[in-house]
Amino acid sequence: MIKYFLGIDVGGTKTRALIADETGQAMGFGVSGPGNHEGVGYDGLSRAICVAFKQAAASAGIKPAQIAWAGFGIGGYDWPSEREPHLKAIGGLGLRAPVEIVNDAVLGLLAGTGDGWGVAVVSGTGCNCWGWDRTRQHIGHVTGHGFEMGEGAGASELIIKAMQAVSYEWTRRGPATQLTAAFLRHTGAHDLADLLEGVLQHKYELDSEAAPLVFQVAEAGDVVANEVIRWAGCELGEMATAVIRQLGFEKSDFDVILTGSMFDGGSLLIEPMRQTVHALAPGARLVRLAAPPVVGAVLLGMEQAGVKISADIRRKLSETSSLMQNHG
């Protein structure tokens, strides 16, 4: 009998579900909206995973009872006290299969390394960093709570820093920047004073979706925008070095897996991060995750079921899931 494995990647913007068989062949894919309980609550989490799973099961042509194991990488799952409410929300899927859950950052380790250990940094809407040693008995992580805990930087934090720079131009605390013109065009504000007033009074919305504008302005040569992105890269590097210290990896050779849309910004963001990490751990290899993160959730389910995951299974799962996601 064919065994089917479910993986779900729950994020602050989207939730993705993938079903694959034990050979690594992707069978079904589904996508829905945000599922991080910090933004949508546990009821919202339950709805998001149900929608994504139903789509994946329908496209795979299977029923929930046919799932052998399920793995979940969940944004916002940061503390042991959150395990039970997350499992309760997942219970709404009606699965008979055993379930394992991890923070969504861990999916980068599972999908991006051959043996599932090292450090993973997520920078999307928000940011996080987790790591495992070779035994997976020693875990390191940051709080995952952004500016509130002094951690940056996802796209949300990048926009906050960019708006601070724009504010500094208005107050003459800092230099002029082309970020101002970019944000005026984006919001339709009349002038800088109108932009600041409108953002503060929620007339205009500048959120994480505006992050690509910062990279565009930086690539055009704006010094201030470049400094904002450099700040973000250094902050991501500091998150990684915190976890490296927790795991005692300073003298080790290991992968730092980079996951999330912010890393689409390329070297402007990654190079200052690399410099920060290498100052502490010169053997660290910064690797952009090539496989969809949801692949890590499927692999988590396979591992829990005792499947021996070969390089061929990893390759097949990555390739077929990418095709399915791109055409889904």
Protein backbone atom coordinates (compact mmCIF):
# COMPACT_ATOMS: atom_id res chain seq x y z
CA MET A 1 0.00 0.00 0.00
CA ILE A 2 1.29 3.47 -0.92
CA LYS A 3 2.06 5.71 2.04
CA TYR A 4 1.20 9.41 1.78
CA PHE A 5 2.79 12.16 3.83
CA LEU A 6 1.40 15.61 4.53
CA GLY A 7 3.47 18.70 5.14
CA ILE A 8 2.06 22.14 5.97
CA ASP A 9 4.04 25.37 6.16
CA VAL A 10 2.11 27.96 8.17
CA GLY A 11 3.26 31.55 7.71
CA GLY A 12 2.25 35.09 8.51
CA THR A 13 1.14 35.71 4.92
CA LYS A 14 0.37 32.31 3.37
CA THR A 15 -0.18 28.70 4.36
CA ARG A 16 0.97 25.93 2.01
CA ALA A 17 0.13 22.23 2.11
CA LEU A 18 1.94 19.47 0.23
CA ILE A 19 1.14 15.76 -0.04
CA ALA A 20 3.78 13.34 -1.31
CA ASP A 21 4.27 9.60 -1.46
CA GLU A 22 7.16 7.70 0.12
CA THR A 23 9.27 7.95 -3.05
CA GLY A 24 9.25 11.75 -2.86
CA GLN A 25 6.72 12.26 -5.64
CA ALA A 26 4.58 15.31 -4.93
CA MET A 27 0.91 14.38 -5.31
CA GLY A 28 -1.11 17.39 -4.21
CA PHE A 29 -0.63 21.05 -3.31
CA GLY A 30 -2.83 23.66 -1.63
CA VAL A 31 -2.48 27.25 -0.51
CA SER A 32 -4.48 29.57 1.73
CA GLY A 33 -4.03 32.75 3.72
CA PRO A 34 -2.10 33.59 6.90
CA GLY A 35 -2.09 31.06 9.73
CA ASN A 36 0.25 32.51 12.36
CA HIS A 37 -1.83 32.55 15.53
CA GLU A 38 -0.25 35.82 16.63
CA GLY A 39 -2.04 37.50 13.74
CA VAL A 40 -5.19 35.45 13.14
CA GLY A 41 -5.68 33.51 16.38
CA TYR A 42 -5.95 29.75 16.70
CA ASP A 43 -9.32 29.74 14.93
CA GLY A 44 -7.68 31.49 12.00
CA LEU A 45 -4.84 28.97 12.08
CA SER A 46 -7.33 26.10 11.97
CA ARG A 47 -9.19 27.65 9.02
CA ALA A 48 -6.01 28.29 7.06
CA ILE A 49 -4.65 24.77 7.38
CA CYS A 50 -8.07 23.24 6.63
CA VAL A 51 -8.40 25.19 3.38
CA ALA A 52 -4.85 24.38 2.25
CA PHE A 53 -5.18 20.70 3.19
CA LYS A 54 -8.51 20.26 1.41
CA GLN A 55 -7.01 21.70 -1.77
CA ALA A 56 -3.97 19.42 -1.51
CA ALA A 57 -6.05 16.32 -0.78
CA ALA A 58 -8.42 17.09 -3.66
CA SER A 59 -5.58 17.56 -6.14
CA ALA A 60 -3.92 14.36 -4.88
CA GLY A 61 -7.21 12.46 -5.04
CA ILE A 62 -6.86 11.05 -1.53
CA LYS A 63 -8.82 11.15 1.73
CA PRO A 64 -7.52 12.34 5.12
CA ALA A 65 -7.48 8.74 6.40
CA GLN A 66 -4.83 7.87 3.80
CA ILE A 67 -2.22 10.20 5.35
CA ALA A 68 0.41 8.12 7.18
CA TRP A 69 2.23 10.97 8.98
CA ALA A 70 2.03 14.75 8.97
CA GLY A 71 4.63 17.42 9.66
CA PHE A 72 3.91 21.08 10.35
CA GLY A 73 6.25 24.09 10.36
CA ILE A 74 4.35 26.87 12.09
CA GLY A 75 5.16 30.55 12.22
CA GLY A 76 4.50 31.85 15.73
CA TYR A 77 5.11 28.47 17.40
CA ASP A 78 7.93 29.68 19.63
CA TRP A 79 7.34 28.23 23.11
CA PRO A 80 6.52 24.83 24.65
CA SER A 81 3.33 26.26 26.19
CA GLU A 82 1.98 26.80 22.67
CA ARG A 83 2.24 23.14 21.66
CA GLU A 84 -1.14 21.97 22.94
CA PRO A 85 -3.25 24.80 21.47
CA HIS A 86 -1.49 24.29 18.14
CA LEU A 87 -2.19 20.56 18.19
CA LYS A 88 -5.80 21.30 19.08
CA ALA A 89 -6.10 23.61 16.05
CA ILE A 90 -4.56 20.93 13.83
CA GLY A 91 -7.09 18.44 15.18
CA GLY A 92 -9.72 20.14 13.06
CA LEU A 93 -8.23 18.45 9.99
CA GLY A 94 -9.61 15.12 11.13
CA LEU A 95 -6.35 13.27 10.52
CA ARG A 96 -5.88 9.79 11.93
CA ALA A 97 -2.14 10.07 11.37
CA PRO A 98 0.43 11.06 14.00
CA VAL A 99 1.52 14.68 13.82
CA GLU A 100 4.74 16.53 14.62
CA ILE A 101 5.11 20.31 14.78
CA VAL A 102 8.13 22.63 14.73
CA ASN A 103 8.70 26.33 14.26
CA ASP A 104 8.63 27.18 10.56
CA ALA A 105 12.31 28.22 10.63
CA VAL A 106 13.23 24.58 11.23
CA LEU A 107 11.79 23.68 7.82
CA GLY A 108 14.81 25.36 6.28
CA LEU A 109 17.13 22.91 8.04
CA LEU A 110 15.06 19.91 7.00
CA ALA A 111 14.68 21.00 3.37
CA GLY A 112 18.03 22.71 2.87
CA THR A 113 20.60 20.39 4.46
CA GLY A 114 21.41 16.75 3.82
CA ASP A 115 21.16 15.70 7.44
CA GLY A 116 18.93 18.36 8.97
CA TRP A 117 21.23 20.26 11.33
CA GLY A 118 22.79 23.72 11.43
CA VAL A 119 21.18 27.15 11.67
CA ALA A 120 18.22 28.52 9.72
CA VAL A 121 17.26 32.18 9.41
CA VAL A 122 13.82 33.21 8.18
CA SER A 123 13.25 36.72 6.88
CA GLY A 124 9.86 37.21 5.31
CA THR A 125 7.07 39.33 6.75
CA GLY A 126 8.76 38.81 10.11
CA CYS A 127 11.97 37.07 11.11
CA ASN A 128 13.21 34.19 13.21
CA CYS A 129 16.23 31.98 13.74
CA TRP A 130 16.48 28.39 14.99
CA GLY A 131 19.24 25.82 15.03
CA TRP A 132 19.87 22.16 15.86
CA ASP A 133 23.10 20.30 16.52
CA ARG A 134 23.85 16.97 14.84
CA THR A 135 21.95 15.03 17.49
CA ARG A 136 18.97 17.42 17.46
CA GLN A 137 19.06 17.23 21.23
CA HIS A 138 20.57 20.69 21.57
CA ILE A 139 18.32 23.45 20.22
CA GLY A 140 19.04 27.15 19.89
CA HIS A 141 16.63 29.91 18.95
CA VAL A 142 15.70 33.56 19.39
CA THR A 143 12.30 34.72 20.65
CA GLY A 144 10.79 35.36 17.22
CA HIS A 145 9.10 38.54 18.43
CA GLY A 146 10.83 41.17 16.31
CA PHE A 147 11.46 44.70 17.52
CA GLU A 148 9.72 44.04 20.82
CA MET A 149 12.61 41.78 21.77
CA GLY A 150 15.28 43.63 19.79
CA GLU A 151 15.26 41.21 16.87
CA GLY A 152 15.33 42.16 13.20
CA ALA A 153 14.78 42.10 10.46
CA GLY A 154 11.89 40.94 8.38
CA ALA A 155 10.10 43.08 5.84
CA SER A 156 7.94 44.65 8.56
CA GLU A 157 11.00 45.84 10.49
CA LEU A 158 12.68 47.01 7.29
CA ILE A 159 9.73 49.29 6.54
CA ILE A 160 9.79 50.66 10.07
CA LYS A 161 13.46 51.57 9.72
CA ALA A 162 12.85 53.06 6.27
CA MET A 163 10.01 55.20 7.64
CA GLN A 164 12.27 56.38 10.44
CA ALA A 165 14.74 57.54 7.80
CA VAL A 166 11.97 59.39 5.96
CA SER A 167 10.88 60.99 9.22
CA TYR A 168 14.47 62.06 9.88
CA GLU A 169 14.50 63.86 6.54
CA TRP A 170 11.39 65.82 7.53
CA THR A 171 12.72 66.77 10.98
CA ARG A 172 16.19 67.53 9.51
CA ARG A 173 17.64 64.92 11.86
CA GLY A 174 18.96 63.02 8.86
CA PRO A 175 19.73 63.48 5.16
CA ALA A 176 17.29 63.50 2.28
CA THR A 177 16.50 60.13 0.74
CA GLN A 178 14.77 58.86 -2.38
CA LEU A 179 12.77 56.59 -0.07
CA THR A 180 10.55 59.62 0.44
CA ALA A 181 9.63 59.90 -3.23
CA ALA A 182 9.11 56.12 -3.48
CA PHE A 183 6.74 56.09 -0.52
CA LEU A 184 4.87 59.15 -1.79
CA ARG A 185 4.22 57.37 -5.09
CA HIS A 186 3.27 54.16 -3.31
CA THR A 187 0.73 55.77 -0.99
CA GLY A 188 -0.45 58.70 -3.12
CA ALA A 189 0.40 61.17 -0.35
CA HIS A 190 0.66 64.81 -1.41
CA ASP A 191 3.95 65.60 0.29
CA LEU A 192 6.21 64.37 3.07
CA ALA A 193 4.20 65.98 5.86
CA ASP A 194 1.01 64.41 4.48
CA LEU A 195 2.76 61.03 4.26
CA LEU A 196 3.91 61.11 7.88
CA GLU A 197 0.56 62.33 9.18
CA GLY A 198 -1.30 59.82 7.03
CA VAL A 199 0.81 56.85 8.14
CA LEU A 200 0.53 57.80 11.81
CA GLN A 201 -3.25 58.25 11.53
CA HIS A 202 -3.68 55.12 9.40
CA LYS A 203 -4.85 57.05 6.36
CA TYR A 204 -2.00 55.52 4.34
CA GLU A 205 -0.73 51.99 4.70
CA LEU A 206 2.94 51.12 4.46
CA ASP A 207 3.51 47.51 5.44
CA SER A 208 5.79 44.61 4.61
CA GLU A 209 4.54 44.47 1.02
CA ALA A 210 6.37 47.76 0.37
CA ALA A 211 9.77 46.24 1.26
CA PRO A 212 10.81 45.71 -2.40
CA LEU A 213 10.69 49.51 -2.82
CA VAL A 214 13.52 49.87 -0.32
CA PHE A 215 15.68 47.49 -2.37
CA GLN A 216 14.79 49.30 -5.60
CA VAL A 217 15.80 52.66 -4.16
CA ALA A 218 19.02 51.17 -2.76
CA GLU A 219 19.92 49.59 -6.09
CA ALA A 220 19.49 53.02 -7.71
CA GLY A 221 22.26 54.29 -5.44
CA ASP A 222 20.45 55.93 -2.52
CA VAL A 223 22.84 55.97 0.44
CA VAL A 224 20.13 55.99 3.10
CA ALA A 225 18.26 53.04 1.61
CA ASN A 226 21.52 51.11 1.39
CA GLU A 227 22.18 51.81 5.05
CA VAL A 228 18.70 50.60 6.01
CA ILE A 229 19.29 47.32 4.17
CA ARG A 230 22.76 46.99 5.65
CA TRP A 231 21.21 47.42 9.09
CA ALA A 232 18.76 44.61 8.30
CA GLY A 233 21.55 42.31 7.12
CA CYS A 234 23.59 42.93 10.23
CA GLU A 235 20.55 42.30 12.43
CA LEU A 236 19.88 38.99 10.70
CA GLY A 237 23.54 38.14 11.21
CA GLU A 238 23.26 38.98 14.91
CA MET A 239 20.27 36.66 15.23
CA ALA A 240 22.30 33.89 13.62
CA THR A 241 25.33 34.50 15.84
CA ALA A 242 23.13 34.36 18.93
CA VAL A 243 22.01 30.86 17.97
CA ILE A 244 25.55 29.89 16.95
CA ARG A 245 26.72 30.79 20.47
CA GLN A 246 23.88 28.82 22.03
CA LEU A 247 24.91 25.73 20.04
CA GLY A 248 28.66 26.20 20.41
CA PHE A 249 29.20 26.27 16.64
CA GLU A 250 31.84 29.02 16.62
CA LYS A 251 34.62 26.70 15.37
CA SER A 252 32.41 24.35 13.33
CA ASP A 253 31.73 24.04 9.63
CA PHE A 254 27.97 24.17 9.11
CA ASP A 255 25.21 25.61 6.94
CA VAL A 256 23.18 28.72 7.69
CA ILE A 257 20.05 28.27 5.60
CA LEU A 258 18.41 31.48 4.39
CA THR A 259 14.64 31.32 3.93
CA GLY A 260 12.07 33.96 3.05
CA SER A 261 11.29 36.67 0.53
CA MET A 262 13.65 39.26 2.00
CA PHE A 263 16.62 37.26 0.75
CA ASP A 264 15.40 37.87 -2.80
CA GLY A 265 17.13 41.21 -2.27
CA GLY A 266 20.42 39.42 -2.84
CA SER A 267 23.87 40.63 -1.88
CA LEU A 268 22.74 44.01 -0.51
CA LEU A 269 21.17 42.10 2.40
CA ILE A 270 23.20 38.89 2.45
CA GLU A 271 26.74 40.32 2.39
CA PRO A 272 26.46 42.34 5.63
CA MET A 273 24.83 39.29 7.19
CA ARG A 274 27.72 37.11 5.99
CA GLN A 275 30.30 39.53 7.41
CA THR A 276 28.54 39.53 10.78
CA VAL A 277 28.32 35.73 10.93
CA HIS A 278 31.90 35.13 9.74
CA ALA A 279 33.30 37.47 12.39
CA LEU A 280 32.20 34.82 14.92
CA ALA A 281 32.02 31.59 12.89
CA PRO A 282 34.25 31.66 9.79
CA GLY A 283 33.24 28.07 8.91
CA ALA A 284 29.58 28.99 8.42
CA ARG A 285 28.24 28.59 4.89
CA LEU A 286 25.32 30.89 4.03
CA VAL A 287 23.02 28.94 1.70
CA ARG A 288 19.84 30.25 0.09
CA LEU A 289 17.11 27.63 0.38
CA ALA A 290 16.31 26.30 -3.09
CA ALA A 291 13.45 23.94 -2.23
CA PRO A 292 10.01 25.20 -1.16
CA PRO A 293 10.01 25.30 2.68
CA VAL A 294 6.93 23.07 2.77
CA VAL A 295 9.23 20.26 1.56
CA GLY A 296 10.78 20.37 5.03
CA ALA A 297 7.38 19.73 6.58
CA VAL A 298 6.87 16.61 4.43
CA LEU A 299 10.38 15.41 5.33
CA LEU A 300 9.56 15.94 9.00
CA GLY A 301 6.59 13.61 8.63
CA MET A 302 8.70 11.05 6.76
CA GLU A 303 11.41 11.14 9.42
CA GLN A 304 8.90 10.61 12.20
CA ALA A 305 7.54 7.60 10.30
CA GLY A 306 11.01 6.08 10.08
CA VAL A 307 11.43 6.53 6.33
CA LYS A 308 15.09 6.45 5.32
CA ILE A 309 15.38 9.67 3.35
CA SER A 310 17.85 9.30 0.51
CA ALA A 311 19.32 12.01 -1.68
CA ASP A 312 17.06 10.76 -4.48
CA ILE A 313 13.95 11.23 -2.34
CA ARG A 314 15.05 14.76 -1.42
CA ARG A 315 15.78 15.66 -5.02
CA LYS A 316 12.53 14.21 -6.34
CA LEU A 317 10.46 15.87 -3.62
CA SER A 318 12.09 19.25 -4.24
CA GLU A 319 11.72 19.07 -8.02
CA THR A 320 8.15 17.76 -8.18
CA SER A 321 6.88 20.04 -5.42
CA SER A 322 8.43 23.10 -7.11
CA LEU A 323 6.69 22.20 -10.37
CA MET A 324 3.39 21.65 -8.59
CA GLN A 325 3.65 24.89 -6.60
CA ASN A 326 4.56 26.94 -9.67
CA HIS A 327 1.58 25.58 -11.58
CA GLY A 328 -0.82 25.49 -8.66
